[in-house]
All heavy atoms as atom14 arrays in JSON, in Angstrom:
{
  "sequence": "TALEYAIVLGNRRVHFMAGIVPVGLNPVAAHEHYCQNLSRAAVLA",
  "atom14_mask": [
    [1, 1, 1, 1, 1, 1, 1, 0, 0, 0, 0, 0, 0, 0],
    [1, 1, 1, 1, 1, 0, 0, 0, 0, 0, 0, 0, 0, 0],
    [1, 1, 1, 1, 1, 1, 1, 1, 0, 0, 0, 0, 0, 0],
    [1, 1, 1, 1, 1, 1, 1, 1, 1, 0, 0, 0, 0, 0],
    [1, 1, 1, 1, 1, 1, 1, 1, 1, 1, 1, 1, 0, 0],
    [1, 1, 1, 1, 1, 0, 0, 0, 0, 0, 0, 0, 0, 0],
    [1, 1, 1, 1, 1, 1, 1, 1, 0, 0, 0, 0, 0, 0],
    [1, 1, 1, 1, 1, 1, 1, 0, 0, 0, 0, 0, 0, 0],
    [1, 1, 1, 1, 1, 1, 1, 1, 0, 0, 0, 0, 0, 0],
    [1, 1, 1, 1, 0, 0, 0, 0, 0, 0, 0, 0, 0, 0],
    [1, 1, 1, 1, 1, 1, 1, 1, 0, 0, 0, 0, 0, 0],
    [1, 1, 1, 1, 1, 1, 1, 1, 1, 1, 1, 0, 0, 0],
    [1, 1, 1, 1, 1, 1, 1, 1, 1, 1, 1, 0, 0, 0],
    [1, 1, 1, 1, 1, 1, 1, 0, 0, 0, 0, 0, 0, 0],
    [1, 1, 1, 1, 1, 1, 1, 1, 1, 1, 0, 0, 0, 0],
    [1, 1, 1, 1, 1, 1, 1, 1, 1, 1, 1, 0, 0, 0],
    [1, 1, 1, 1, 1, 1, 1, 1, 0, 0, 0, 0, 0, 0],
    [1, 1, 1, 1, 1, 0, 0, 0, 0, 0, 0, 0, 0, 0],
    [1, 1, 1, 1, 0, 0, 0, 0, 0, 0, 0, 0, 0, 0],
    [1, 1, 1, 1, 1, 1, 1, 1, 0, 0, 0, 0, 0, 0],
    [1, 1, 1, 1, 1, 1, 1, 0, 0, 0, 0, 0, 0, 0],
    [1, 1, 1, 1, 1, 1, 1, 0, 0, 0, 0, 0, 0, 0],
    [1, 1, 1, 1, 1, 1, 1, 0, 0, 0, 0, 0, 0, 0],
    [1, 1, 1, 1, 0, 0, 0, 0, 0, 0, 0, 0, 0, 0],
    [1, 1, 1, 1, 1, 1, 1, 1, 0, 0, 0, 0, 0, 0],
    [1, 1, 1, 1, 1, 1, 1, 1, 0, 0, 0, 0, 0, 0],
    [1, 1, 1, 1, 1, 1, 1, 0, 0, 0, 0, 0, 0, 0],
    [1, 1, 1, 1, 1, 1, 1, 0, 0, 0, 0, 0, 0, 0],
    [1, 1, 1, 1, 1, 0, 0, 0, 0, 0, 0, 0, 0, 0],
    [1, 1, 1, 1, 1, 0, 0, 0, 0, 0, 0, 0, 0, 0],
    [1, 1, 1, 1, 1, 1, 1, 1, 1, 1, 0, 0, 0, 0],
    [1, 1, 1, 1, 1, 1, 1, 1, 1, 0, 0, 0, 0, 0],
    [1, 1, 1, 1, 1, 1, 1, 1, 1, 1, 0, 0, 0, 0],
    [1, 1, 1, 1, 1, 1, 1, 1, 1, 1, 1, 1, 0, 0],
    [1, 1, 1, 1, 1, 1, 0, 0, 0, 0, 0, 0, 0, 0],
    [1, 1, 1, 1, 1, 1, 1, 1, 1, 0, 0, 0, 0, 0],
    [1, 1, 1, 1, 1, 1, 1, 1, 0, 0, 0, 0, 0, 0],
    [1, 1, 1, 1, 1, 1, 1, 1, 0, 0, 0, 0, 0, 0],
    [1, 1, 1, 1, 1, 1, 0, 0, 0, 0, 0, 0, 0, 0],
    [1, 1, 1, 1, 1, 1, 1, 1, 1, 1, 1, 0, 0, 0],
    [1, 1, 1, 1, 1, 0, 0, 0, 0, 0, 0, 0, 0, 0],
    [1, 1, 1, 1, 1, 0, 0, 0, 0, 0, 0, 0, 0, 0],
    [1, 1, 1, 1, 1, 1, 1, 0, 0, 0, 0, 0, 0, 0],
    [1, 1, 1, 1, 1, 1, 1, 1, 0, 0, 0, 0, 0, 0],
    [1, 1, 1, 1, 1, 0, 0, 0, 0, 0, 0, 0, 0, 0]
  ],
  "atom14_positions": [
    [[197.31, 24.13, -131.74], [197.71, 23.24, -130.62], [198.29, 21.97, -131.16], [199.34, 21.49, -130.65], [196.49, 22.92, -129.77], [195.98, 24.15, -129.19], [196.8, 21.94, -128.65], [0.0, 0.0, 0.0], [0.0, 0.0, 0.0], [0.0, 0.0, 0.0], [0.0, 0.0, 0.0], [0.0, 0.0, 0.0], [0.0, 0.0, 0.0], [0.0, 0.0, 0.0]],
    [[197.69, 21.36, -132.18], [198.22, 20.15, -132.76], [199.62, 20.35, -133.31], [200.48, 19.49, -133.18], [197.28, 19.66, -133.89], [0.0, 0.0, 0.0], [0.0, 0.0, 0.0], [0.0, 0.0, 0.0], [0.0, 0.0, 0.0], [0.0, 0.0, 0.0], [0.0, 0.0, 0.0], [0.0, 0.0, 0.0], [0.0, 0.0, 0.0], [0.0, 0.0, 0.0]],
    [[199.87, 21.52, -133.94], [201.19, 21.77, -134.51], [202.22, 21.94, -133.43], [203.41, 21.54, -133.63], [201.11, 23.02, -135.42], [200.22, 22.87, -136.64], [200.15, 24.2, -137.4], [200.77, 21.76, -137.57], [0.0, 0.0, 0.0], [0.0, 0.0, 0.0], [0.0, 0.0, 0.0], [0.0, 0.0, 0.0], [0.0, 0.0, 0.0], [0.0, 0.0, 0.0]],
    [[201.85, 22.49, -132.29], [202.77, 22.55, -131.17], [203.25, 21.18, -130.75], [204.45, 20.93, -130.5], [202.14, 23.28, -129.98], [201.89, 24.79, -130.24], [201.04, 25.45, -129.16], [200.7, 24.71, -128.17], [200.75, 26.64, -129.27], [0.0, 0.0, 0.0], [0.0, 0.0, 0.0], [0.0, 0.0, 0.0], [0.0, 0.0, 0.0], [0.0, 0.0, 0.0]],
    [[202.32, 20.24, -130.66], [202.67, 18.85, -130.34], [203.51, 18.23, -131.47], [204.48, 17.52, -131.21], [201.43, 18.0, -130.14], [200.89, 18.06, -128.73], [200.1, 19.1, -128.26], [201.16, 17.02, -127.83], [199.61, 19.16, -126.98], [200.68, 17.04, -126.51], [199.9, 18.11, -126.13], [199.46, 18.15, -124.83], [0.0, 0.0, 0.0], [0.0, 0.0, 0.0]],
    [[203.11, 18.49, -132.71], [203.8, 17.88, -133.85], [205.26, 18.27, -133.89], [206.13, 17.46, -134.19], [203.1, 18.27, -135.15], [0.0, 0.0, 0.0], [0.0, 0.0, 0.0], [0.0, 0.0, 0.0], [0.0, 0.0, 0.0], [0.0, 0.0, 0.0], [0.0, 0.0, 0.0], [0.0, 0.0, 0.0], [0.0, 0.0, 0.0], [0.0, 0.0, 0.0]],
    [[205.53, 19.52, -133.59], [206.92, 19.98, -133.6], [207.77, 19.28, -132.55], [208.88, 18.83, -132.84], [206.96, 21.51, -133.39], [206.39, 22.23, -134.61], [208.36, 21.99, -133.1], [206.11, 23.69, -134.41], [0.0, 0.0, 0.0], [0.0, 0.0, 0.0], [0.0, 0.0, 0.0], [0.0, 0.0, 0.0], [0.0, 0.0, 0.0], [0.0, 0.0, 0.0]],
    [[207.24, 19.14, -131.36], [207.95, 18.44, -130.29], [208.15, 16.95, -130.64], [209.23, 16.42, -130.39], [207.22, 18.6, -128.95], [207.88, 17.76, -127.84], [207.17, 20.06, -128.54], [0.0, 0.0, 0.0], [0.0, 0.0, 0.0], [0.0, 0.0, 0.0], [0.0, 0.0, 0.0], [0.0, 0.0, 0.0], [0.0, 0.0, 0.0], [0.0, 0.0, 0.0]],
    [[207.15, 16.33, -131.18], [207.18, 14.89, -131.44], [207.84, 14.52, -132.77], [208.02, 13.34, -133.04], [205.74, 14.32, -131.42], [204.96, 14.57, -130.11], [203.58, 13.93, -130.25], [205.7, 14.0, -128.93], [0.0, 0.0, 0.0], [0.0, 0.0, 0.0], [0.0, 0.0, 0.0], [0.0, 0.0, 0.0], [0.0, 0.0, 0.0], [0.0, 0.0, 0.0]],
    [[208.18, 15.5, -133.58], [208.74, 15.22, -134.88], [207.74, 14.6, -135.81], [208.08, 13.84, -136.71], [0.0, 0.0, 0.0], [0.0, 0.0, 0.0], [0.0, 0.0, 0.0], [0.0, 0.0, 0.0], [0.0, 0.0, 0.0], [0.0, 0.0, 0.0], [0.0, 0.0, 0.0], [0.0, 0.0, 0.0], [0.0, 0.0, 0.0], [0.0, 0.0, 0.0]],
    [[206.47, 14.9, -135.61], [205.39, 14.29, -136.34], [205.05, 15.15, -137.6], [204.83, 16.36, -137.48], [204.13, 14.27, -135.46], [202.92, 13.62, -136.08], [202.75, 12.41, -136.06], [202.09, 14.43, -136.7], [0.0, 0.0, 0.0], [0.0, 0.0, 0.0], [0.0, 0.0, 0.0], [0.0, 0.0, 0.0], [0.0, 0.0, 0.0], [0.0, 0.0, 0.0]],
    [[205.06, 14.54, -138.76], [204.93, 15.26, -140.01], [203.51, 15.24, -140.6], [203.28, 15.93, -141.6], [205.91, 14.72, -141.06], [207.37, 14.77, -140.66], [207.83, 16.2, -140.47], [207.67, 16.97, -141.69], [208.54, 16.99, -142.72], [209.64, 16.24, -142.64], [208.31, 17.69, -143.81], [0.0, 0.0, 0.0], [0.0, 0.0, 0.0], [0.0, 0.0, 0.0]],
    [[202.6, 14.5, -139.99], [201.24, 14.43, -140.57], [200.21, 14.51, -139.45], [200.32, 13.82, -138.45], [201.03, 13.13, -141.33], [201.88, 13.05, -142.62], [201.74, 11.73, -143.36], [202.45, 11.77, -144.62], [203.72, 11.48, -144.75], [204.43, 11.09, -143.69], [204.29, 11.51, -145.93], [0.0, 0.0, 0.0], [0.0, 0.0, 0.0], [0.0, 0.0, 0.0]],
    [[199.22, 15.37, -139.66], [198.12, 15.54, -138.71], [196.78, 15.36, -139.44], [196.56, 15.93, -140.52], [198.17, 16.94, -138.08], [196.91, 17.23, -137.28], [199.42, 17.07, -137.17], [0.0, 0.0, 0.0], [0.0, 0.0, 0.0], [0.0, 0.0, 0.0], [0.0, 0.0, 0.0], [0.0, 0.0, 0.0], [0.0, 0.0, 0.0], [0.0, 0.0, 0.0]],
    [[195.91, 14.55, -138.85], [194.56, 14.35, -139.42], [193.65, 15.5, -139.02], [193.45, 15.77, -137.83], [194.0, 13.01, -138.92], [192.59, 12.77, -139.35], [191.72, 11.97, -138.63], [191.88, 13.18, -140.41], [190.56, 11.93, -139.23], [190.61, 12.69, -140.34], [0.0, 0.0, 0.0], [0.0, 0.0, 0.0], [0.0, 0.0, 0.0], [0.0, 0.0, 0.0]],
    [[193.13, 16.19, -140.0], [192.23, 17.35, -139.84], [190.81, 16.85, -139.96], [190.32, 16.61, -141.08], [192.58, 18.39, -140.9], [191.81, 19.66, -140.84], [192.09, 20.64, -139.91], [190.74, 19.89, -141.74], [191.38, 21.85, -139.89], [190.04, 21.08, -141.69], [190.33, 22.03, -140.78], [0.0, 0.0, 0.0], [0.0, 0.0, 0.0], [0.0, 0.0, 0.0]],
    [[190.09, 16.69, -138.84], [188.78, 16.12, -138.88], [187.75, 17.12, -139.39], [187.75, 18.31, -139.03], [188.39, 15.62, -137.48], [189.3, 14.52, -136.97], [188.59, 13.61, -135.55], [187.34, 12.64, -136.36], [0.0, 0.0, 0.0], [0.0, 0.0, 0.0], [0.0, 0.0, 0.0], [0.0, 0.0, 0.0], [0.0, 0.0, 0.0], [0.0, 0.0, 0.0]],
    [[186.83, 16.63, -140.21], [185.89, 17.5, -140.9], [184.69, 17.92, -140.03], [184.24, 19.05, -140.08], [185.36, 16.83, -142.15], [0.0, 0.0, 0.0], [0.0, 0.0, 0.0], [0.0, 0.0, 0.0], [0.0, 0.0, 0.0], [0.0, 0.0, 0.0], [0.0, 0.0, 0.0], [0.0, 0.0, 0.0], [0.0, 0.0, 0.0], [0.0, 0.0, 0.0]],
    [[184.17, 16.97, -139.26], [182.99, 17.27, -138.46], [181.75, 16.63, -138.99], [181.65, 16.2, -140.16], [0.0, 0.0, 0.0], [0.0, 0.0, 0.0], [0.0, 0.0, 0.0], [0.0, 0.0, 0.0], [0.0, 0.0, 0.0], [0.0, 0.0, 0.0], [0.0, 0.0, 0.0], [0.0, 0.0, 0.0], [0.0, 0.0, 0.0], [0.0, 0.0, 0.0]],
    [[180.74, 16.56, -138.13], [179.41, 16.04, -138.48], [178.54, 17.19, -138.93], [178.43, 18.21, -138.22], [178.82, 15.29, -137.31], [179.66, 14.03, -136.98], [177.36, 14.91, -137.55], [179.31, 13.36, -135.69], [0.0, 0.0, 0.0], [0.0, 0.0, 0.0], [0.0, 0.0, 0.0], [0.0, 0.0, 0.0], [0.0, 0.0, 0.0], [0.0, 0.0, 0.0]],
    [[177.91, 17.06, -140.05], [177.12, 18.16, -140.62], [175.84, 18.3, -139.79], [175.08, 17.34, -139.62], [176.73, 17.86, -142.1], [175.9, 19.0, -142.67], [178.02, 17.65, -142.92], [0.0, 0.0, 0.0], [0.0, 0.0, 0.0], [0.0, 0.0, 0.0], [0.0, 0.0, 0.0], [0.0, 0.0, 0.0], [0.0, 0.0, 0.0], [0.0, 0.0, 0.0]],
    [[175.61, 19.49, -139.23], [174.39, 19.68, -138.43], [173.12, 19.52, -139.25], [173.09, 19.85, -140.44], [174.52, 21.14, -137.95], [175.96, 21.51, -138.15], [176.44, 20.7, -139.29], [0.0, 0.0, 0.0], [0.0, 0.0, 0.0], [0.0, 0.0, 0.0], [0.0, 0.0, 0.0], [0.0, 0.0, 0.0], [0.0, 0.0, 0.0], [0.0, 0.0, 0.0]],
    [[172.11, 18.98, -138.64], [170.82, 18.86, -139.3], [170.33, 20.24, -139.75], [170.36, 21.19, -138.94], [169.77, 18.21, -138.36], [168.38, 18.19, -139.02], [170.21, 16.81, -137.99], [0.0, 0.0, 0.0], [0.0, 0.0, 0.0], [0.0, 0.0, 0.0], [0.0, 0.0, 0.0], [0.0, 0.0, 0.0], [0.0, 0.0, 0.0], [0.0, 0.0, 0.0]],
    [[169.95, 20.36, -141.01], [169.46, 21.64, -141.51], [170.5, 22.51, -142.19], [170.18, 23.46, -142.84], [0.0, 0.0, 0.0], [0.0, 0.0, 0.0], [0.0, 0.0, 0.0], [0.0, 0.0, 0.0], [0.0, 0.0, 0.0], [0.0, 0.0, 0.0], [0.0, 0.0, 0.0], [0.0, 0.0, 0.0], [0.0, 0.0, 0.0], [0.0, 0.0, 0.0]],
    [[171.77, 22.16, -142.03], [172.84, 22.94, -142.68], [172.93, 22.49, -144.14], [173.05, 21.32, -144.44], [174.2, 22.76, -142.01], [175.36, 23.5, -142.64], [175.14, 25.01, -142.52], [176.67, 23.12, -141.98], [0.0, 0.0, 0.0], [0.0, 0.0, 0.0], [0.0, 0.0, 0.0], [0.0, 0.0, 0.0], [0.0, 0.0, 0.0], [0.0, 0.0, 0.0]],
    [[172.85, 23.45, -145.07], [172.94, 23.2, -146.47], [174.27, 22.52, -146.78], [175.31, 23.03, -146.38], [172.78, 24.49, -147.25], [172.74, 24.3, -148.75], [173.67, 23.78, -149.33], [171.62, 24.71, -149.35], [0.0, 0.0, 0.0], [0.0, 0.0, 0.0], [0.0, 0.0, 0.0], [0.0, 0.0, 0.0], [0.0, 0.0, 0.0], [0.0, 0.0, 0.0]],
    [[174.3, 21.41, -147.53], [175.56, 20.76, -147.85], [176.56, 21.66, -148.56], [177.78, 21.52, -148.37], [175.15, 19.57, -148.73], [173.73, 19.28, -148.36], [173.14, 20.64, -148.0], [0.0, 0.0, 0.0], [0.0, 0.0, 0.0], [0.0, 0.0, 0.0], [0.0, 0.0, 0.0], [0.0, 0.0, 0.0], [0.0, 0.0, 0.0], [0.0, 0.0, 0.0]],
    [[176.06, 22.57, -149.37], [176.96, 23.49, -150.09], [177.62, 24.43, -149.07], [178.84, 24.7, -149.19], [176.18, 24.32, -151.13], [177.06, 25.37, -151.74], [175.62, 23.4, -152.21], [0.0, 0.0, 0.0], [0.0, 0.0, 0.0], [0.0, 0.0, 0.0], [0.0, 0.0, 0.0], [0.0, 0.0, 0.0], [0.0, 0.0, 0.0], [0.0, 0.0, 0.0]],
    [[176.89, 24.89, -148.09], [177.42, 25.74, -147.05], [178.47, 24.96, -146.22], [179.56, 25.47, -145.89], [176.35, 26.27, -146.16], [0.0, 0.0, 0.0], [0.0, 0.0, 0.0], [0.0, 0.0, 0.0], [0.0, 0.0, 0.0], [0.0, 0.0, 0.0], [0.0, 0.0, 0.0], [0.0, 0.0, 0.0], [0.0, 0.0, 0.0], [0.0, 0.0, 0.0]],
    [[178.18, 23.69, -145.89], [179.15, 22.88, -145.14], [180.41, 22.71, -145.93], [181.54, 22.8, -145.37], [178.51, 21.52, -144.84], [0.0, 0.0, 0.0], [0.0, 0.0, 0.0], [0.0, 0.0, 0.0], [0.0, 0.0, 0.0], [0.0, 0.0, 0.0], [0.0, 0.0, 0.0], [0.0, 0.0, 0.0], [0.0, 0.0, 0.0], [0.0, 0.0, 0.0]],
    [[180.29, 22.51, -147.23], [181.47, 22.35, -148.12], [182.3, 23.64, -148.09], [183.53, 23.6, -148.01], [181.0, 22.02, -149.52], [182.13, 21.98, -150.53], [182.91, 20.88, -150.74], [182.57, 22.93, -151.4], [183.77, 21.14, -151.67], [183.59, 22.37, -152.1], [0.0, 0.0, 0.0], [0.0, 0.0, 0.0], [0.0, 0.0, 0.0], [0.0, 0.0, 0.0]],
    [[181.64, 24.77, -148.17], [182.36, 26.05, -148.19], [183.08, 26.3, -146.86], [184.25, 26.72, -146.84], [181.38, 27.19, -148.49], [180.86, 27.19, -149.92], [179.82, 28.27, -150.14], [179.4, 28.93, -149.17], [179.37, 28.42, -151.31], [0.0, 0.0, 0.0], [0.0, 0.0, 0.0], [0.0, 0.0, 0.0], [0.0, 0.0, 0.0], [0.0, 0.0, 0.0]],
    [[182.41, 26.04, -145.76], [183.05, 26.23, -144.44], [184.29, 25.3, -144.34], [185.36, 25.71, -143.88], [182.08, 25.87, -143.31], [180.94, 26.85, -143.17], [181.12, 28.21, -143.04], [179.6, 26.62, -143.07], [179.93, 28.81, -142.92], [179.0, 27.85, -142.95], [0.0, 0.0, 0.0], [0.0, 0.0, 0.0], [0.0, 0.0, 0.0], [0.0, 0.0, 0.0]],
    [[184.11, 24.06, -144.77], [185.16, 23.07, -144.65], [186.37, 23.5, -145.48], [187.52, 23.46, -144.98], [184.62, 21.72, -145.1], [185.69, 20.63, -145.06], [186.18, 20.15, -143.86], [186.2, 20.1, -146.27], [187.16, 19.15, -143.84], [187.15, 19.09, -146.23], [187.64, 18.63, -145.03], [188.59, 17.68, -145.01], [0.0, 0.0, 0.0], [0.0, 0.0, 0.0]],
    [[186.14, 23.86, -146.72], [187.26, 24.19, -147.6], [187.98, 25.44, -147.12], [189.24, 25.52, -147.18], [186.77, 24.38, -149.03], [186.31, 22.82, -149.85], [0.0, 0.0, 0.0], [0.0, 0.0, 0.0], [0.0, 0.0, 0.0], [0.0, 0.0, 0.0], [0.0, 0.0, 0.0], [0.0, 0.0, 0.0], [0.0, 0.0, 0.0], [0.0, 0.0, 0.0]],
    [[187.26, 26.42, -146.61], [187.88, 27.62, -146.11], [188.77, 27.27, -144.88], [189.91, 27.75, -144.8], [186.8, 28.64, -145.68], [186.12, 29.28, -146.86], [184.95, 30.19, -146.4], [184.73, 30.4, -145.24], [184.22, 30.73, -147.38], [0.0, 0.0, 0.0], [0.0, 0.0, 0.0], [0.0, 0.0, 0.0], [0.0, 0.0, 0.0], [0.0, 0.0, 0.0]],
    [[188.24, 26.51, -143.98], [189.01, 26.16, -142.77], [190.21, 25.27, -143.12], [191.3, 25.42, -142.55], [188.14, 25.48, -141.75], [187.22, 26.47, -141.06], [187.57, 27.6, -140.8], [185.98, 26.04, -140.74], [0.0, 0.0, 0.0], [0.0, 0.0, 0.0], [0.0, 0.0, 0.0], [0.0, 0.0, 0.0], [0.0, 0.0, 0.0], [0.0, 0.0, 0.0]],
    [[190.0, 24.33, -144.04], [191.1, 23.44, -144.42], [192.23, 24.22, -145.09], [193.41, 23.99, -144.76], [190.56, 22.37, -145.34], [191.59, 21.4, -145.92], [192.36, 20.66, -144.8], [190.87, 20.36, -146.82], [0.0, 0.0, 0.0], [0.0, 0.0, 0.0], [0.0, 0.0, 0.0], [0.0, 0.0, 0.0], [0.0, 0.0, 0.0], [0.0, 0.0, 0.0]],
    [[191.89, 25.13, -145.98], [192.95, 25.88, -146.68], [193.7, 26.79, -145.7], [194.93, 26.89, -145.77], [192.35, 26.68, -147.81], [191.39, 27.65, -147.33], [0.0, 0.0, 0.0], [0.0, 0.0, 0.0], [0.0, 0.0, 0.0], [0.0, 0.0, 0.0], [0.0, 0.0, 0.0], [0.0, 0.0, 0.0], [0.0, 0.0, 0.0], [0.0, 0.0, 0.0]],
    [[193.02, 27.41, -144.78], [193.7, 28.26, -143.79], [194.55, 27.45, -142.83], [195.65, 27.83, -142.45], [192.64, 29.08, -143.01], [192.03, 30.17, -143.88], [190.81, 30.82, -143.31], [190.28, 31.86, -144.16], [189.08, 32.38, -144.09], [188.25, 31.96, -143.15], [188.67, 33.31, -144.91], [0.0, 0.0, 0.0], [0.0, 0.0, 0.0], [0.0, 0.0, 0.0]],
    [[194.0, 26.26, -142.44], [194.79, 25.37, -141.57], [196.04, 24.88, -142.26], [197.11, 24.72, -141.65], [193.9, 24.22, -141.12], [0.0, 0.0, 0.0], [0.0, 0.0, 0.0], [0.0, 0.0, 0.0], [0.0, 0.0, 0.0], [0.0, 0.0, 0.0], [0.0, 0.0, 0.0], [0.0, 0.0, 0.0], [0.0, 0.0, 0.0], [0.0, 0.0, 0.0]],
    [[195.94, 24.62, -143.57], [197.07, 24.11, -144.32], [198.18, 25.16, -144.4], [199.37, 24.77, -144.39], [196.63, 23.69, -145.73], [0.0, 0.0, 0.0], [0.0, 0.0, 0.0], [0.0, 0.0, 0.0], [0.0, 0.0, 0.0], [0.0, 0.0, 0.0], [0.0, 0.0, 0.0], [0.0, 0.0, 0.0], [0.0, 0.0, 0.0], [0.0, 0.0, 0.0]],
    [[197.84, 26.4, -144.47], [198.84, 27.44, -144.46], [199.6, 27.45, -143.17], [200.85, 27.55, -143.13], [198.21, 28.83, -144.75], [199.22, 29.94, -144.55], [197.66, 28.86, -146.17], [0.0, 0.0, 0.0], [0.0, 0.0, 0.0], [0.0, 0.0, 0.0], [0.0, 0.0, 0.0], [0.0, 0.0, 0.0], [0.0, 0.0, 0.0], [0.0, 0.0, 0.0]],
    [[198.9, 27.33, -142.05], [199.53, 27.23, -140.74], [200.44, 26.01, -140.65], [201.57, 26.08, -140.16], [198.49, 27.16, -139.63], [197.57, 28.37, -139.42], [196.53, 28.07, -138.36], [198.39, 29.6, -139.03], [0.0, 0.0, 0.0], [0.0, 0.0, 0.0], [0.0, 0.0, 0.0], [0.0, 0.0, 0.0], [0.0, 0.0, 0.0], [0.0, 0.0, 0.0]],
    [[199.92, 24.87, -141.14], [200.68, 23.61, -141.06], [201.95, 23.68, -141.91], [202.99, 23.14, -141.52], [199.81, 22.45, -141.49], [0.0, 0.0, 0.0], [0.0, 0.0, 0.0], [0.0, 0.0, 0.0], [0.0, 0.0, 0.0], [0.0, 0.0, 0.0], [0.0, 0.0, 0.0], [0.0, 0.0, 0.0], [0.0, 0.0, 0.0], [0.0, 0.0, 0.0]]
  ]
}
């Protein structure tokens, strides 16, 4: 959705928000989820 807007607006940079780590979620797991989503999002971008 953000990329659809970016294309129309000629916007070349989008901030990809990481999120708040849920209580009880292992920090290593949070890091893995984040890096997986960021890398896949970067391919789309």
